[in-house]
Amino acid sequence: MKRALALVAVPAALAVSLAACGGGDDSGDSMAGHSMSSSASPSTGGGQAARHNDQDVMFAQMMIPHHRQAIEMADLAAARAASPEVKSLAADIKKAQTPEIQRLSGWLKGWGASAPSPGMSGMDGMQHGMDGMMSEKDMKGLEAAKGAAFDKAFLGMMIKHHEGAVAMAKTEQSAGQSSEAKSMAAGIVSSQSAEIAKMRSMLKK
């Protein structure tokens, strides 16, 4: 009787052992599959972030200091302009371009590219290749002007500045890859072209 029980126990123990081994294999496959699935998610996210090209990076890196200079000019108008229309236009420019700088900086961070520091402006090396940027002499001249003289100088300079931004945005539209950056570029072309027409009309008054 004892021998019979022993014979029964051996296959039973072997079956348990085999089941455990089989479970370990299944578990290993399951974990491997989970691991692959988990690693696929960041990869997918990386693919989303990677949907940009060098033109997108250049657009963001150049438009940030370009916008910053426009805001500098707009800030001068608040205290120096004589025309309420000029002051209102300057306020609109600052309101529109400040959040765009934040968005551009965020894209660069997501793309693993460097963003121009806050101290950078059109008077540094990045001025080359950026259409419409004012020189240091231009900015000092604008800062020294007041009243009607400021209004005329501001409008003339901002028209050139906007024309530069529109040219850069059109390049982004044609050569960029990021859908978000190209969408912003389209907005810049539309809004700043309208402001250029408005400023030309203001200069004629």
Protein backbone atom coordinates (compact mmCIF):
# COMPACT_ATOMS: atom_id res chain seq x y z
CA MET A 1 0.00 0.00 0.00
CA LYS A 2 2.80 2.40 0.91
CA ARG A 3 4.59 1.53 -2.33
CA ALA A 4 1.45 2.22 -4.34
CA LEU A 5 1.02 5.63 -2.70
CA ALA A 6 4.64 6.44 -3.38
CA LEU A 7 4.20 5.57 -7.05
CA VAL A 8 1.14 7.82 -7.26
CA ALA A 9 2.91 10.68 -5.45
CA VAL A 10 5.88 10.74 -7.86
CA PRO A 11 3.86 11.49 -11.03
CA ALA A 12 1.76 13.99 -9.07
CA ALA A 13 4.84 15.83 -7.86
CA LEU A 14 6.29 15.70 -11.36
CA ALA A 15 3.07 17.12 -12.79
CA VAL A 16 3.13 19.99 -10.27
CA SER A 17 6.76 20.64 -11.11
CA LEU A 18 6.05 20.67 -14.84
CA ALA A 19 3.05 22.90 -14.34
CA ALA A 20 5.20 25.31 -12.36
CA CYS A 21 7.81 25.34 -15.08
CA GLY A 22 5.17 25.84 -17.73
CA GLY A 23 3.65 28.69 -15.71
CA GLY A 24 7.08 30.27 -15.41
CA ASP A 25 7.50 30.17 -19.18
CA ASP A 26 4.06 31.66 -19.78
CA SER A 27 4.72 34.27 -17.15
CA GLY A 28 8.05 35.08 -18.75
CA ASP A 29 6.40 35.45 -22.15
CA SER A 30 3.68 37.58 -20.61
CA MET A 31 6.19 39.85 -18.88
CA ALA A 32 8.25 40.08 -22.03
CA GLY A 33 5.18 41.07 -23.97
CA HIS A 34 4.28 43.64 -21.32
CA SER A 35 7.78 44.99 -21.36
CA MET A 36 7.73 45.34 -25.13
CA SER A 37 4.34 46.99 -24.98
CA SER A 38 5.53 49.45 -22.34
CA SER A 39 8.63 50.34 -24.30
CA ALA A 40 6.53 50.86 -27.41
CA SER A 41 4.53 53.70 -25.83
CA PRO A 42 7.50 56.00 -25.23
CA SER A 43 8.71 55.10 -28.70
CA THR A 44 5.37 56.17 -30.12
CA GLY A 45 5.52 59.37 -28.11
CA GLY A 46 9.05 59.92 -29.34
CA GLY A 47 7.80 59.49 -32.88
CA GLN A 48 5.24 62.23 -32.30
CA ALA A 49 7.91 64.54 -30.88
CA ALA A 50 10.25 63.68 -33.75
CA ARG A 51 7.84 64.93 -36.40
CA HIS A 52 9.87 68.01 -37.12
CA ASN A 53 12.89 68.93 -39.20
CA ASP A 54 15.78 71.37 -39.14
CA GLN A 55 13.61 74.08 -40.68
CA ASP A 56 11.15 73.83 -37.76
CA VAL A 57 14.00 74.21 -35.27
CA MET A 58 15.45 77.17 -37.16
CA PHE A 59 12.03 78.80 -37.38
CA ALA A 60 11.52 78.55 -33.62
CA GLN A 61 15.07 79.61 -32.72
CA MET A 62 14.93 82.66 -34.98
CA MET A 63 11.33 83.71 -34.33
CA ILE A 64 11.86 83.88 -30.56
CA PRO A 65 14.39 86.78 -30.64
CA HIS A 66 12.45 88.30 -33.54
CA HIS A 67 9.30 88.40 -31.41
CA ARG A 68 11.25 89.65 -28.39
CA GLN A 69 12.51 92.65 -30.34
CA ALA A 70 8.98 93.44 -31.53
CA ILE A 71 7.86 93.39 -27.90
CA GLU A 72 10.73 95.71 -26.95
CA MET A 73 9.54 98.12 -29.59
CA ALA A 74 5.95 97.79 -28.42
CA ASP A 75 6.97 98.53 -24.84
CA LEU A 76 8.61 101.78 -25.99
CA ALA A 77 5.36 102.85 -27.63
CA ALA A 78 3.45 102.70 -24.36
CA ALA A 79 5.35 105.72 -22.99
CA ARG A 80 6.59 107.48 -26.12
CA ALA A 81 3.86 107.28 -28.76
CA ALA A 82 1.51 110.21 -29.32
CA SER A 83 -1.15 108.39 -31.34
CA PRO A 84 -3.70 106.24 -29.46
CA GLU A 85 -3.79 104.03 -32.58
CA VAL A 86 -0.05 103.38 -32.34
CA LYS A 87 -0.33 102.59 -28.64
CA SER A 88 -3.23 100.22 -29.29
CA LEU A 89 -1.38 98.49 -32.11
CA ALA A 90 1.72 98.09 -29.93
CA ALA A 91 -0.39 96.54 -27.16
CA ASP A 92 -1.94 94.09 -29.66
CA ILE A 93 1.51 93.08 -30.93
CA LYS A 94 2.74 92.37 -27.42
CA LYS A 95 -0.42 90.44 -26.54
CA ALA A 96 -0.12 88.24 -29.63
CA GLN A 97 3.60 87.56 -29.60
CA THR A 98 4.25 86.93 -25.89
CA PRO A 99 2.36 83.59 -25.81
CA GLU A 100 3.91 82.61 -29.16
CA ILE A 101 7.36 82.92 -27.60
CA GLN A 102 6.25 80.53 -24.86
CA ARG A 103 4.94 78.04 -27.40
CA LEU A 104 8.08 78.24 -29.54
CA SER A 105 10.27 77.69 -26.48
CA GLY A 106 8.17 74.68 -25.48
CA TRP A 107 8.55 73.11 -28.91
CA LEU A 108 12.31 73.53 -28.83
CA LYS A 109 12.47 71.85 -25.44
CA GLY A 110 10.36 68.96 -26.71
CA TRP A 111 12.58 68.63 -29.76
CA GLY A 112 15.74 68.56 -27.63
CA ALA A 113 16.97 71.80 -29.19
CA SER A 114 18.33 74.87 -27.41
CA ALA A 115 16.19 77.98 -27.08
CA PRO A 116 17.66 81.49 -27.28
CA SER A 117 18.17 82.96 -23.82
CA PRO A 118 16.01 85.94 -22.76
CA GLY A 119 18.96 88.28 -23.13
CA MET A 120 19.41 87.47 -26.81
CA SER A 121 18.16 90.01 -29.30
CA GLY A 122 18.70 91.09 -32.86
CA MET A 123 21.99 92.74 -31.94
CA ASP A 124 23.86 89.45 -31.52
CA GLY A 125 25.11 86.91 -34.01
CA MET A 126 21.65 85.51 -34.68
CA GLN A 127 20.70 88.75 -36.42
CA HIS A 128 22.31 87.45 -39.57
CA GLY A 129 19.72 85.60 -41.59
CA MET A 130 16.77 87.06 -39.68
CA ASP A 131 14.74 89.32 -41.91
CA GLY A 132 13.48 92.60 -40.54
CA MET A 133 15.57 92.75 -37.38
CA MET A 134 16.52 96.21 -36.19
CA SER A 135 20.14 97.11 -35.47
CA GLU A 136 21.32 98.45 -32.14
CA LYS A 137 21.49 101.90 -33.74
CA ASP A 138 17.88 101.59 -34.92
CA MET A 139 16.67 100.63 -31.44
CA LYS A 140 18.55 103.46 -29.77
CA GLY A 141 17.12 105.92 -32.27
CA LEU A 142 13.59 104.68 -31.58
CA GLU A 143 14.16 104.89 -27.84
CA ALA A 144 15.28 108.51 -28.17
CA ALA A 145 12.21 109.57 -30.19
CA LYS A 146 8.95 110.86 -28.72
CA GLY A 147 5.53 111.96 -29.86
CA ALA A 148 4.78 112.15 -33.59
CA ALA A 149 8.42 111.47 -34.46
CA PHE A 150 8.25 108.24 -32.48
CA ASP A 151 5.00 107.22 -34.15
CA LYS A 152 6.49 107.63 -37.63
CA ALA A 153 9.70 105.81 -36.73
CA PHE A 154 7.84 103.02 -34.92
CA LEU A 155 5.46 102.37 -37.81
CA GLY A 156 8.24 102.39 -40.40
CA MET A 157 10.41 100.03 -38.39
CA MET A 158 7.57 97.71 -37.40
CA ILE A 159 6.48 97.38 -41.03
CA LYS A 160 9.97 96.14 -41.92
CA HIS A 161 9.99 93.93 -38.82
CA HIS A 162 6.65 92.38 -39.73
CA GLU A 163 7.72 91.88 -43.34
CA GLY A 164 10.71 89.92 -42.05
CA ALA A 165 8.50 87.77 -39.83
CA VAL A 166 6.13 87.08 -42.73
CA ALA A 167 9.04 86.00 -44.94
CA MET A 168 10.34 83.66 -42.23
CA ALA A 169 6.86 82.25 -41.68
CA LYS A 170 6.35 81.59 -45.39
CA THR A 171 9.62 79.65 -45.46
CA GLU A 172 8.36 77.57 -42.53
CA GLN A 173 5.09 76.91 -44.33
CA SER A 174 6.88 75.59 -47.41
CA ALA A 175 9.82 73.75 -45.83
CA GLY A 176 8.78 72.88 -42.26
CA GLN A 177 7.44 69.54 -41.08
CA SER A 178 5.85 70.24 -37.68
CA SER A 179 2.12 70.74 -38.14
CA GLU A 180 1.99 72.99 -35.06
CA ALA A 181 4.85 75.19 -36.23
CA LYS A 182 3.39 75.45 -39.72
CA SER A 183 0.03 76.39 -38.24
CA MET A 184 1.65 79.19 -36.21
CA ALA A 185 3.48 80.32 -39.33
CA ALA A 186 0.19 80.56 -41.21
CA GLY A 187 -1.24 82.67 -38.38
CA ILE A 188 1.79 84.98 -38.48
CA VAL A 189 1.45 85.47 -42.24
CA SER A 190 -2.23 86.30 -41.89
CA SER A 191 -2.15 88.54 -38.81
CA GLN A 192 1.05 90.41 -39.54
CA SER A 193 0.18 91.00 -43.19
CA ALA A 194 -3.04 92.62 -41.98
CA GLU A 195 -1.07 94.75 -39.50
CA ILE A 196 1.37 95.81 -42.22
CA ALA A 197 -1.55 97.09 -44.31
CA LYS A 198 -2.94 98.89 -41.26
CA MET A 199 0.41 100.53 -40.44
CA ARG A 200 0.91 101.70 -44.02
CA SER A 201 -2.49 103.32 -43.85
CA MET A 202 -1.60 104.98 -40.54
CA LEU A 203 1.61 106.39 -42.02
CA LYS A 204 -0.38 108.10 -44.79
CA LYS A 205 -2.52 110.04 -42.33
